[in-house]
Amino acid sequence: QVTPIFSPGIEWWMRYDTGGDWNGGPHQYVGPTMRINFGE
C-alpha cells in the first residue's frame, strides 16, 4: 500500500487439469498488478 488509494503488487497463478491436451497444462503466469481504491 503506497497510499490508501494505490497498491501495486505482483501475482503468480497456475492452472492444471486432467483434460489431457496442451490446454490441460500445467500453465503458469506471473505479472504486475495494481489496485486503485476510492472506498465505495
PDB file of all heavy atoms in Angstrom:
ATOM      1  N   GLN A   1       0.835  -1.196   0.000  1.00  0.00           N
ATOM      2  CA  GLN A   1       0.000   0.000   0.000  1.00  0.00           C
ATOM      3  C   GLN A   1       0.875   1.252   0.000  1.00  0.00           C
ATOM      4  O   GLN A   1       1.342   1.707   1.038  1.00  0.00           O
ATOM      5  CB  GLN A   1      -0.941   0.008   1.210  1.00  0.00           C
ATOM      6  CG  GLN A   1      -1.958   1.143   1.174  1.00  0.00           C
ATOM      7  CD  GLN A   1      -2.786   1.205   2.434  1.00  0.00           C
ATOM      8  OE1 GLN A   1      -2.396   1.823   3.412  1.00  0.00           O
ATOM      9  NE2 GLN A   1      -3.942   0.538   2.410  1.00  0.00           N
ATOM     10  N   VAL A   2       1.094   1.816  -1.179  1.00  0.00           N
ATOM     11  CA  VAL A   2       1.866   3.051  -1.297  1.00  0.00           C
ATOM     12  C   VAL A   2       1.097   4.212  -0.682  1.00  0.00           C
ATOM     13  O   VAL A   2       1.662   5.034   0.059  1.00  0.00           O
ATOM     14  CB  VAL A   2       2.193   3.331  -2.774  1.00  0.00           C
ATOM     15  CG1 VAL A   2       2.933   4.657  -2.925  1.00  0.00           C
ATOM     16  CG2 VAL A   2       3.017   2.194  -3.358  1.00  0.00           C
ATOM     17  N   THR A   3      -0.196   4.283  -0.988  1.00  0.00           N
ATOM     18  CA  THR A   3      -1.124   5.240  -0.381  1.00  0.00           C
ATOM     19  C   THR A   3      -2.426   4.499  -0.119  1.00  0.00           C
ATOM     20  O   THR A   3      -2.616   3.386  -0.636  1.00  0.00           O
ATOM     21  CB  THR A   3      -1.387   6.443  -1.303  1.00  0.00           C
ATOM     22  OG1 THR A   3      -2.197   6.016  -2.413  1.00  0.00           O
ATOM     23  CG2 THR A   3      -0.078   7.050  -1.816  1.00  0.00           C
ATOM     24  N   PRO A   4      -3.359   5.054   0.655  1.00  0.00           N
ATOM     25  CA  PRO A   4      -4.650   4.383   0.834  1.00  0.00           C
ATOM     26  C   PRO A   4      -5.376   4.134  -0.488  1.00  0.00           C
ATOM     27  O   PRO A   4      -6.227   3.249  -0.561  1.00  0.00           O
ATOM     28  CB  PRO A   4      -5.427   5.359   1.718  1.00  0.00           C
ATOM     29  CG  PRO A   4      -4.376   6.091   2.486  1.00  0.00           C
ATOM     30  CD  PRO A   4      -3.231   6.248   1.523  1.00  0.00           C
ATOM     31  N   ILE A   5      -5.035   4.877  -1.528  1.00  0.00           N
ATOM     32  CA  ILE A   5      -5.691   4.720  -2.828  1.00  0.00           C
ATOM     33  C   ILE A   5      -4.960   3.718  -3.708  1.00  0.00           C
ATOM     34  O   ILE A   5      -5.589   2.906  -4.390  1.00  0.00           O
ATOM     35  CB  ILE A   5      -5.795   6.087  -3.550  1.00  0.00           C
ATOM     36  CG1 ILE A   5      -6.733   7.012  -2.780  1.00  0.00           C
ATOM     37  CG2 ILE A   5      -6.263   5.913  -4.991  1.00  0.00           C
ATOM     38  CD1 ILE A   5      -6.824   8.406  -3.377  1.00  0.00           C
ATOM     39  N   PHE A   6      -3.644   3.716  -3.718  1.00  0.00           N
ATOM     40  CA  PHE A   6      -2.869   2.965  -4.706  1.00  0.00           C
ATOM     41  C   PHE A   6      -2.047   1.859  -4.059  1.00  0.00           C
ATOM     42  O   PHE A   6      -1.258   2.111  -3.143  1.00  0.00           O
ATOM     43  CB  PHE A   6      -1.938   3.916  -5.457  1.00  0.00           C
ATOM     44  CG  PHE A   6      -1.075   3.250  -6.493  1.00  0.00           C
ATOM     45  CD1 PHE A   6      -1.637   2.596  -7.577  1.00  0.00           C
ATOM     46  CD2 PHE A   6       0.306   3.280  -6.365  1.00  0.00           C
ATOM     47  CE1 PHE A   6      -0.840   1.977  -8.527  1.00  0.00           C
ATOM     48  CE2 PHE A   6       1.118   2.676  -7.311  1.00  0.00           C
ATOM     49  CZ  PHE A   6       0.538   2.015  -8.400  1.00  0.00           C
ATOM     50  N   SER A   7      -2.239   0.615  -4.560  1.00  0.00           N
ATOM     51  CA  SER A   7      -1.495  -0.544  -4.059  1.00  0.00           C
ATOM     52  C   SER A   7      -1.002  -1.376  -5.245  1.00  0.00           C
ATOM     53  O   SER A   7      -1.784  -2.107  -5.858  1.00  0.00           O
ATOM     54  CB  SER A   7      -2.367  -1.417  -3.155  1.00  0.00           C
ATOM     55  OG  SER A   7      -2.791  -0.706  -2.005  1.00  0.00           O
ATOM     56  N   PRO A   8       0.282  -1.276  -5.606  1.00  0.00           N
ATOM     57  CA  PRO A   8       0.830  -2.149  -6.644  1.00  0.00           C
ATOM     58  C   PRO A   8       1.147  -3.517  -6.070  1.00  0.00           C
ATOM     59  O   PRO A   8       1.216  -3.704  -4.846  1.00  0.00           O
ATOM     60  CB  PRO A   8       2.095  -1.416  -7.079  1.00  0.00           C
ATOM     61  CG  PRO A   8       2.534  -0.705  -5.843  1.00  0.00           C
ATOM     62  CD  PRO A   8       1.273  -0.315  -5.104  1.00  0.00           C
ATOM     63  N   GLY A   9       1.360  -4.491  -6.954  1.00  0.00           N
ATOM     64  CA  GLY A   9       1.693  -5.828  -6.486  1.00  0.00           C
ATOM     65  C   GLY A   9       2.244  -6.689  -7.597  1.00  0.00           C
ATOM     66  O   GLY A   9       2.461  -6.229  -8.724  1.00  0.00           O
ATOM     67  N   ILE A  10       2.470  -7.945  -7.275  1.00  0.00           N
ATOM     68  CA  ILE A  10       2.881  -8.940  -8.253  1.00  0.00           C
ATOM     69  C   ILE A  10       2.173 -10.242  -7.895  1.00  0.00           C
ATOM     70  O   ILE A  10       2.000 -10.559  -6.710  1.00  0.00           O
ATOM     71  CB  ILE A  10       4.417  -9.110  -8.291  1.00  0.00           C
ATOM     72  CG1 ILE A  10       4.824 -10.027  -9.443  1.00  0.00           C
ATOM     73  CG2 ILE A  10       4.948  -9.605  -6.956  1.00  0.00           C
ATOM     74  CD1 ILE A  10       6.309 -10.004  -9.730  1.00  0.00           C
ATOM     75  N   GLU A  11       1.753 -10.983  -8.925  1.00  0.00           N
ATOM     76  CA  GLU A  11       0.944 -12.185  -8.679  1.00  0.00           C
ATOM     77  C   GLU A  11       1.379 -13.309  -9.611  1.00  0.00           C
ATOM     78  O   GLU A  11       1.730 -13.080 -10.768  1.00  0.00           O
ATOM     79  CB  GLU A  11      -0.533 -11.869  -8.897  1.00  0.00           C
ATOM     80  CG  GLU A  11      -1.480 -13.015  -8.577  1.00  0.00           C
ATOM     81  CD  GLU A  11      -2.940 -12.649  -8.753  1.00  0.00           C
ATOM     82  OE1 GLU A  11      -3.232 -11.811  -9.642  1.00  0.00           O
ATOM     83  OE2 GLU A  11      -3.785 -13.195  -8.028  1.00  0.00           O
ATOM     84  N   TRP A  12       1.324 -14.526  -9.074  1.00  0.00           N
ATOM     85  CA  TRP A  12       1.579 -15.756  -9.825  1.00  0.00           C
ATOM     86  C   TRP A  12       0.345 -16.628  -9.758  1.00  0.00           C
ATOM     87  O   TRP A  12      -0.327 -16.689  -8.720  1.00  0.00           O
ATOM     88  CB  TRP A  12       2.765 -16.497  -9.220  1.00  0.00           C
ATOM     89  CG  TRP A  12       2.889 -17.936  -9.655  1.00  0.00           C
ATOM     90  CD1 TRP A  12       3.530 -18.416 -10.758  1.00  0.00           C
ATOM     91  CD2 TRP A  12       2.360 -19.083  -8.977  1.00  0.00           C
ATOM     92  NE1 TRP A  12       3.434 -19.781 -10.824  1.00  0.00           N
ATOM     93  CE2 TRP A  12       2.709 -20.221  -9.730  1.00  0.00           C
ATOM     94  CE3 TRP A  12       1.608 -19.260  -7.806  1.00  0.00           C
ATOM     95  CZ2 TRP A  12       2.344 -21.515  -9.363  1.00  0.00           C
ATOM     96  CZ3 TRP A  12       1.238 -20.541  -7.437  1.00  0.00           C
ATOM     97  CH2 TRP A  12       1.619 -21.656  -8.201  1.00  0.00           C
ATOM     98  N   TRP A  13       0.004 -17.277 -10.862  1.00  0.00           N
ATOM     99  CA  TRP A  13      -1.061 -18.275 -10.826  1.00  0.00           C
ATOM    100  C   TRP A  13      -0.762 -19.402 -11.811  1.00  0.00           C
ATOM    101  O   TRP A  13      -0.040 -19.210 -12.784  1.00  0.00           O
ATOM    102  CB  TRP A  13      -2.437 -17.666 -11.086  1.00  0.00           C
ATOM    103  CG  TRP A  13      -2.632 -16.954 -12.402  1.00  0.00           C
ATOM    104  CD1 TRP A  13      -2.311 -15.658 -12.687  1.00  0.00           C
ATOM    105  CD2 TRP A  13      -3.217 -17.488 -13.592  1.00  0.00           C
ATOM    106  NE1 TRP A  13      -2.655 -15.344 -13.979  1.00  0.00           N
ATOM    107  CE2 TRP A  13      -3.219 -16.444 -14.561  1.00  0.00           C
ATOM    108  CE3 TRP A  13      -3.762 -18.719 -13.941  1.00  0.00           C
ATOM    109  CZ2 TRP A  13      -3.728 -16.615 -15.844  1.00  0.00           C
ATOM    110  CZ3 TRP A  13      -4.270 -18.894 -15.224  1.00  0.00           C
ATOM    111  CH2 TRP A  13      -4.250 -17.856 -16.155  1.00  0.00           C
ATOM    112  N   MET A  14      -1.304 -20.566 -11.512  1.00  0.00           N
ATOM    113  CA  MET A  14      -1.081 -21.757 -12.320  1.00  0.00           C
ATOM    114  C   MET A  14      -2.412 -22.449 -12.573  1.00  0.00           C
ATOM    115  O   MET A  14      -3.323 -22.382 -11.744  1.00  0.00           O
ATOM    116  CB  MET A  14      -0.137 -22.728 -11.606  1.00  0.00           C
ATOM    117  CG  MET A  14       0.243 -23.941 -12.436  1.00  0.00           C
ATOM    118  SD  MET A  14       1.071 -25.229 -11.446  1.00  0.00           S
ATOM    119  CE  MET A  14      -0.349 -26.045 -10.727  1.00  0.00           C
ATOM    120  N   ARG A  15      -2.519 -23.106 -13.719  1.00  0.00           N
ATOM    121  CA  ARG A  15      -3.703 -23.910 -13.997  1.00  0.00           C
ATOM    122  C   ARG A  15      -3.276 -25.249 -14.583  1.00  0.00           C
ATOM    123  O   ARG A  15      -2.489 -25.305 -15.527  1.00  0.00           O
ATOM    124  CB  ARG A  15      -4.664 -23.205 -14.949  1.00  0.00           C
ATOM    125  CG  ARG A  15      -5.974 -23.979 -15.139  1.00  0.00           C
ATOM    126  CD  ARG A  15      -6.979 -23.203 -15.955  1.00  0.00           C
ATOM    127  NE  ARG A  15      -8.192 -23.956 -16.193  1.00  0.00           N
ATOM    128  CZ  ARG A  15      -9.273 -23.939 -15.425  1.00  0.00           C
ATOM    129  NH1 ARG A  15      -9.267 -23.183 -14.336  1.00  0.00           N
ATOM    130  NH2 ARG A  15     -10.343 -24.647 -15.716  1.00  0.00           N
ATOM    131  N   TYR A  16      -3.803 -26.312 -13.979  1.00  0.00           N
ATOM    132  CA  TYR A  16      -3.546 -27.669 -14.460  1.00  0.00           C
ATOM    133  C   TYR A  16      -4.845 -28.453 -14.369  1.00  0.00           C
ATOM    134  O   TYR A  16      -5.537 -28.423 -13.337  1.00  0.00           O
ATOM    135  CB  TYR A  16      -2.484 -28.357 -13.609  1.00  0.00           C
ATOM    136  CG  TYR A  16      -2.411 -29.851 -13.855  1.00  0.00           C
ATOM    137  CD1 TYR A  16      -1.819 -30.340 -15.020  1.00  0.00           C
ATOM    138  CD2 TYR A  16      -2.972 -30.743 -12.959  1.00  0.00           C
ATOM    139  CE1 TYR A  16      -1.785 -31.710 -15.273  1.00  0.00           C
ATOM    140  CE2 TYR A  16      -2.930 -32.122 -13.195  1.00  0.00           C
ATOM    141  CZ  TYR A  16      -2.334 -32.588 -14.350  1.00  0.00           C
ATOM    142  OH  TYR A  16      -2.313 -33.934 -14.603  1.00  0.00           O
ATOM    143  N   ASP A  17      -5.223 -29.127 -15.458  1.00  0.00           N
ATOM    144  CA  ASP A  17      -6.371 -30.029 -15.377  1.00  0.00           C
ATOM    145  C   ASP A  17      -6.046 -31.339 -16.084  1.00  0.00           C
ATOM    146  O   ASP A  17      -5.039 -31.455 -16.787  1.00  0.00           O
ATOM    147  CB  ASP A  17      -7.656 -29.382 -15.909  1.00  0.00           C
ATOM    148  CG  ASP A  17      -7.667 -29.196 -17.420  1.00  0.00           C
ATOM    149  OD1 ASP A  17      -7.285 -30.124 -18.142  1.00  0.00           O
ATOM    150  OD2 ASP A  17      -8.069 -28.122 -17.881  1.00  0.00           O
ATOM    151  N   THR A  18      -6.886 -32.326 -15.863  1.00  0.00           N
ATOM    152  CA  THR A  18      -6.631 -33.671 -16.370  1.00  0.00           C
ATOM    153  C   THR A  18      -7.241 -33.880 -17.745  1.00  0.00           C
ATOM    154  O   THR A  18      -7.504 -35.017 -18.139  1.00  0.00           O
ATOM    155  CB  THR A  18      -7.184 -34.712 -15.373  1.00  0.00           C
ATOM    156  OG1 THR A  18      -8.590 -34.451 -15.146  1.00  0.00           O
ATOM    157  CG2 THR A  18      -6.451 -34.627 -14.051  1.00  0.00           C
ATOM    158  N   GLY A  19      -7.464 -32.799 -18.485  1.00  0.00           N
ATOM    159  CA  GLY A  19      -8.073 -32.914 -19.804  1.00  0.00           C
ATOM    160  C   GLY A  19      -7.224 -33.673 -20.805  1.00  0.00           C
ATOM    161  O   GLY A  19      -7.746 -34.249 -21.759  1.00  0.00           O
ATOM    162  N   GLY A  20      -5.903 -33.647 -20.642  1.00  0.00           N
ATOM    163  CA  GLY A  20      -5.056 -34.475 -21.484  1.00  0.00           C
ATOM    164  C   GLY A  20      -4.379 -33.770 -22.640  1.00  0.00           C
ATOM    165  O   GLY A  20      -3.333 -34.215 -23.104  1.00  0.00           O
ATOM    166  N   ASP A  21      -4.919 -32.651 -23.137  1.00  0.00           N
ATOM    167  CA  ASP A  21      -4.279 -31.957 -24.246  1.00  0.00           C
ATOM    168  C   ASP A  21      -3.389 -30.832 -23.709  1.00  0.00           C
ATOM    169  O   ASP A  21      -3.206 -30.684 -22.509  1.00  0.00           O
ATOM    170  CB  ASP A  21      -5.325 -31.418 -25.233  1.00  0.00           C
ATOM    171  CG  ASP A  21      -6.282 -30.417 -24.587  1.00  0.00           C
ATOM    172  OD1 ASP A  21      -6.076 -30.090 -23.398  1.00  0.00           O
ATOM    173  OD2 ASP A  21      -7.218 -29.964 -25.262  1.00  0.00           O
ATOM    174  N   TRP A  22      -2.840 -30.029 -24.624  1.00  0.00           N
ATOM    175  CA  TRP A  22      -1.921 -28.970 -24.205  1.00  0.00           C
ATOM    176  C   TRP A  22      -2.600 -27.978 -23.268  1.00  0.00           C
ATOM    177  O   TRP A  22      -1.972 -27.456 -22.335  1.00  0.00           O
ATOM    178  CB  TRP A  22      -1.377 -28.232 -25.436  1.00  0.00           C
ATOM    179  CG  TRP A  22      -0.394 -27.153 -25.084  1.00  0.00           C
ATOM    180  CD1 TRP A  22       0.936 -27.308 -24.800  1.00  0.00           C
ATOM    181  CD2 TRP A  22      -0.659 -25.753 -24.945  1.00  0.00           C
ATOM    182  NE1 TRP A  22       1.515 -26.092 -24.492  1.00  0.00           N
ATOM    183  CE2 TRP A  22       0.561 -25.118 -24.587  1.00  0.00           C
ATOM    184  CE3 TRP A  22      -1.801 -24.970 -25.100  1.00  0.00           C
ATOM    185  CZ2 TRP A  22       0.653 -23.745 -24.377  1.00  0.00           C
ATOM    186  CZ3 TRP A  22      -1.714 -23.600 -24.892  1.00  0.00           C
ATOM    187  CH2 TRP A  22      -0.494 -23.000 -24.532  1.00  0.00           C
ATOM    188  N   ASN A  23      -3.882 -27.702 -23.478  1.00  0.00           N
ATOM    189  CA  ASN A  23      -4.597 -26.763 -22.621  1.00  0.00           C
ATOM    190  C   ASN A  23      -4.658 -27.241 -21.170  1.00  0.00           C
ATOM    191  O   ASN A  23      -4.874 -26.437 -20.267  1.00  0.00           O
ATOM    192  CB  ASN A  23      -6.021 -26.532 -23.145  1.00  0.00           C
ATOM    193  CG  ASN A  23      -6.051 -25.624 -24.348  1.00  0.00           C
ATOM    194  OD1 ASN A  23      -5.258 -24.696 -24.459  1.00  0.00           O
ATOM    195  ND2 ASN A  23      -6.954 -25.895 -25.285  1.00  0.00           N
ATOM    196  N   GLY A  24      -4.480 -28.554 -20.953  1.00  0.00           N
ATOM    197  CA  GLY A  24      -4.513 -29.075 -19.591  1.00  0.00           C
ATOM    198  C   GLY A  24      -3.361 -28.586 -18.738  1.00  0.00           C
ATOM    199  O   GLY A  24      -3.440 -28.598 -17.522  1.00  0.00           O
ATOM    200  N   GLY A  25      -2.278 -28.190 -19.395  1.00  0.00           N
ATOM    201  CA  GLY A  25      -1.154 -27.625 -18.673  1.00  0.00           C
ATOM    202  C   GLY A  25      -0.250 -28.664 -18.032  1.00  0.00           C
ATOM    203  O   GLY A  25      -0.178 -29.804 -18.500  1.00  0.00           O
ATOM    204  N   PRO A  26       0.454 -28.271 -16.969  1.00  0.00           N
ATOM    205  CA  PRO A  26       0.241 -27.018 -16.223  1.00  0.00           C
ATOM    206  C   PRO A  26       0.781 -25.798 -16.955  1.00  0.00           C
ATOM    207  O   PRO A  26       1.815 -25.869 -17.615  1.00  0.00           O
ATOM    208  CB  PRO A  26       1.017 -27.241 -14.926  1.00  0.00           C
ATOM    209  CG  PRO A  26       2.088 -28.213 -15.308  1.00  0.00           C
ATOM    210  CD  PRO A  26       1.497 -29.104 -16.354  1.00  0.00           C
ATOM    211  N   HIS A  27       0.034 -24.686 -16.818  1.00  0.00           N
ATOM    212  CA  HIS A  27       0.452 -23.399 -17.356  1.00  0.00           C
ATOM    213  C   HIS A  27       0.605 -22.426 -16.198  1.00  0.00           C
ATOM    214  O   HIS A  27      -0.253 -22.382 -15.305  1.00  0.00           O
ATOM    215  CB  HIS A  27      -0.571 -22.867 -18.363  1.00  0.00           C
ATOM    216  CG  HIS A  27      -0.729 -23.746 -19.559  1.00  0.00           C
ATOM    217  ND1 HIS A  27       0.327 -24.097 -20.376  1.00  0.00           N
ATOM    218  CD2 HIS A  27      -1.821 -24.374 -20.077  1.00  0.00           C
ATOM    219  CE1 HIS A  27      -0.106 -24.886 -21.343  1.00  0.00           C
ATOM    220  NE2 HIS A  27      -1.398 -25.082 -21.176  1.00  0.00           N
ATOM    221  N   GLN A  28       1.668 -21.646 -16.236  1.00  0.00           N
ATOM    222  CA  GLN A  28       1.956 -20.696 -15.172  1.00  0.00           C
ATOM    223  C   GLN A  28       2.094 -19.283 -15.741  1.00  0.00           C
ATOM    224  O   GLN A  28       2.676 -19.092 -16.814  1.00  0.00           O
ATOM    225  CB  GLN A  28       3.243 -21.069 -14.451  1.00  0.00           C
ATOM    226  CG  GLN A  28       3.210 -22.434 -13.799  1.00  0.00           C
ATOM    227  CD  GLN A  28       4.443 -22.689 -12.966  1.00  0.00           C
ATOM    228  OE1 GLN A  28       4.692 -21.992 -11.979  1.00  0.00           O
ATOM    229  NE2 GLN A  28       5.234 -23.675 -13.345  1.00  0.00           N
ATOM    230  N   TYR A  29       1.542 -18.324 -15.005  1.00  0.00           N
ATOM    231  CA  TYR A  29       1.613 -16.916 -15.385  1.00  0.00           C
ATOM    232  C   TYR A  29       2.102 -16.098 -14.196  1.00  0.00           C
ATOM    233  O   TYR A  29       1.822 -16.429 -13.037  1.00  0.00           O
ATOM    234  CB  TYR A  29       0.232 -16.392 -15.796  1.00  0.00           C
ATOM    235  CG  TYR A  29      -0.260 -16.870 -17.133  1.00  0.00           C
ATOM    236  CD1 TYR A  29      -0.874 -18.112 -17.273  1.00  0.00           C
ATOM    237  CD2 TYR A  29      -0.144 -16.072 -18.279  1.00  0.00           C
ATOM    238  CE1 TYR A  29      -1.350 -18.551 -18.499  1.00  0.00           C
ATOM    239  CE2 TYR A  29      -0.616 -16.504 -19.511  1.00  0.00           C
ATOM    240  CZ  TYR A  29      -1.219 -17.734 -19.611  1.00  0.00           C
ATOM    241  OH  TYR A  29      -1.685 -18.164 -20.832  1.00  0.00           O
ATOM    242  N   VAL A  30       2.800 -15.026 -14.489  1.00  0.00           N
ATOM    243  CA  VAL A  30       3.204 -14.087 -13.453  1.00  0.00           C
ATOM    244  C   VAL A  30       3.196 -12.687 -14.053  1.00  0.00           C
ATOM    245  O   VAL A  30       3.462 -12.517 -15.252  1.00  0.00           O
ATOM    246  CB  VAL A  30       4.605 -14.433 -12.892  1.00  0.00           C
ATOM    247  CG1 VAL A  30       5.701 -14.230 -13.929  1.00  0.00           C
ATOM    248  CG2 VAL A  30       4.906 -13.623 -11.636  1.00  0.00           C
ATOM    249  N   GLY A  31       2.877 -11.696 -13.225  1.00  0.00           N
ATOM    250  CA  GLY A  31       2.873 -10.343 -13.753  1.00  0.00           C
ATOM    251  C   GLY A  31       2.542  -9.297 -12.711  1.00  0.00           C
ATOM    252  O   GLY A  31       2.125  -9.613 -11.585  1.00  0.00           O
ATOM    253  N   PRO A  32       2.708  -8.030 -13.088  1.00  0.00           N
ATOM    254  CA  PRO A  32       2.420  -6.928 -12.172  1.00  0.00           C
ATOM    255  C   PRO A  32       0.921  -6.674 -12.056  1.00  0.00           C
ATOM    256  O   PRO A  32       0.151  -6.915 -12.982  1.00  0.00           O
ATOM    257  CB  PRO A  32       3.124  -5.736 -12.835  1.00  0.00           C
ATOM    258  CG  PRO A  32       3.075  -6.066 -14.300  1.00  0.00           C
ATOM    259  CD  PRO A  32       3.222  -7.557 -14.387  1.00  0.00           C
ATOM    260  N   THR A  33       0.533  -6.177 -10.896  1.00  0.00           N
ATOM    261  CA  THR A  33      -0.870  -5.836 -10.640  1.00  0.00           C
ATOM    262  C   THR A  33      -0.933  -4.450  -9.999  1.00  0.00           C
ATOM    263  O   THR A  33       0.075  -3.912  -9.537  1.00  0.00           O
ATOM    264  CB  THR A  33      -1.529  -6.844  -9.687  1.00  0.00           C
ATOM    265  OG1 THR A  33      -0.959  -6.702  -8.374  1.00  0.00           O
ATOM    266  CG2 THR A  33      -1.334  -8.267 -10.178  1.00  0.00           C
ATOM    267  N   MET A  34      -2.135  -3.912  -9.959  1.00  0.00           N
ATOM    268  CA  MET A  34      -2.357  -2.697  -9.184  1.00  0.00           C
ATOM    269  C   MET A  34      -3.809  -2.637  -8.754  1.00  0.00           C
ATOM    270  O   MET A  34      -4.698  -3.194  -9.406  1.00  0.00           O
ATOM    271  CB  MET A  34      -1.999  -1.439  -9.983  1.00  0.00           C
ATOM    272  CG  MET A  34      -2.953  -1.097 -11.087  1.00  0.00           C
ATOM    273  SD  MET A  34      -2.595   0.550 -11.796  1.00  0.00           S
ATOM    274  CE  MET A  34      -3.981   0.717 -12.943  1.00  0.00           C
ATOM    275  N   ARG A  35      -4.022  -1.976  -7.625  1.00  0.00           N
ATOM    276  CA  ARG A  35      -5.374  -1.739  -7.122  1.00  0.00           C
ATOM    277  C   ARG A  35      -5.525  -0.259  -6.818  1.00  0.00           C
ATOM    278  O   ARG A  35      -4.667   0.334  -6.149  1.00  0.00           O
ATOM    279  CB  ARG A  35      -5.655  -2.550  -5.860  1.00  0.00           C
ATOM    280  CG  ARG A  35      -7.089  -2.394  -5.363  1.00  0.00           C
ATOM    281  CD  ARG A  35      -7.308  -3.136  -4.060  1.00  0.00           C
ATOM    282  NE  ARG A  35      -6.608  -2.500  -2.949  1.00  0.00           N
ATOM    283  CZ  ARG A  35      -6.585  -2.988  -1.712  1.00  0.00           C
ATOM    284  NH1 ARG A  35      -7.177  -4.127  -1.441  1.00  0.00           N
ATOM    285  NH2 ARG A  35      -5.944  -2.350  -0.748  1.00  0.00           N
ATOM    286  N   ILE A  36      -6.600   0.317  -7.321  1.00  0.00           N
ATOM    287  CA  ILE A  36      -6.954   1.700  -7.014  1.00  0.00           C
ATOM    288  C   ILE A  36      -8.253   1.663  -6.216  1.00  0.00           C
ATOM    289  O   ILE A  36      -9.264   1.130  -6.685  1.00  0.00           O
ATOM    290  CB  ILE A  36      -7.117   2.530  -8.297  1.00  0.00           C
ATOM    291  CG1 ILE A  36      -5.783   2.579  -9.050  1.00  0.00           C
ATOM    292  CG2 ILE A  36      -7.585   3.935  -7.971  1.00  0.00           C
ATOM    293  CD1 ILE A  36      -5.851   3.288 -10.379  1.00  0.00           C
ATOM    294  N   ASN A  37      -8.231   2.220  -5.011  1.00  0.00           N
ATOM    295  CA  ASN A  37      -9.352   2.096  -4.085  1.00  0.00           C
ATOM    296  C   ASN A  37      -9.844   3.476  -3.660  1.00  0.00           C
ATOM    297  O   ASN A  37      -9.101   4.269  -3.076  1.00  0.00           O
ATOM    298  CB  ASN A  37      -8.913   1.291  -2.857  1.00  0.00           C
ATOM    299  CG  ASN A  37     -10.029   1.116  -1.849  1.00  0.00           C
ATOM    300  OD1 ASN A  37     -11.209   1.206  -2.191  1.00  0.00           O
ATOM    301  ND2 ASN A  37      -9.667   0.874  -0.605  1.00  0.00           N
ATOM    302  N   PHE A  38     -11.114   3.760  -3.967  1.00  0.00           N
ATOM    303  CA  PHE A  38     -11.736   5.021  -3.558  1.00  0.00           C
ATOM    304  C   PHE A  38     -12.819   4.806  -2.504  1.00  0.00           C
ATOM    305  O   PHE A  38     -13.755   5.584  -2.401  1.00  0.00           O
ATOM    306  CB  PHE A  38     -12.338   5.728  -4.772  1.00  0.00           C
ATOM    307  CG  PHE A  38     -11.305   6.223  -5.754  1.00  0.00           C
ATOM    308  CD1 PHE A  38     -11.074   5.546  -6.940  1.00  0.00           C
ATOM    309  CD2 PHE A  38     -10.552   7.354  -5.476  1.00  0.00           C
ATOM    310  CE1 PHE A  38     -10.117   5.994  -7.838  1.00  0.00           C
ATOM    311  CE2 PHE A  38      -9.601   7.813  -6.373  1.00  0.00           C
ATOM    312  CZ  PHE A  38      -9.377   7.126  -7.561  1.00  0.00           C
ATOM    313  N   GLY A  39     -12.699   3.726  -1.730  1.00  0.00           N
ATOM    314  CA  GLY A  39     -13.683   3.461  -0.685  1.00  0.00           C
ATOM    315  C   GLY A  39     -14.863   2.682  -1.201  1.00  0.00           C
ATOM    316  O   GLY A  39     -14.910   1.454  -1.103  1.00  0.00           O
ATOM    317  N   GLU A  40     -15.847   3.380  -1.769  1.00  0.00           N
ATOM    318  CA  GLU A  40     -17.020   2.690  -2.301  1.00  0.00           C
ATOM    319  C   GLU A  40     -16.783   2.147  -3.705  1.00  0.00           C
ATOM    320  O   GLU A  40     -17.602   1.417  -4.246  1.00  0.00           O
ATOM    321  CB  GLU A  40     -18.239   3.626  -2.304  1.00  0.00           C
ATOM    322  CG  GLU A  40     -18.228   4.730  -3.355  1.00  0.00           C
ATOM    323  CD  GLU A  40     -17.424   5.947  -2.923  1.00  0.00           C
ATOM    324  OE1 GLU A  40     -16.925   5.960  -1.784  1.00  0.00           O
ATOM    325  OE2 GLU A  40     -17.298   6.879  -3.741  1.00  0.00           O
TER     326      GLU A  40
END
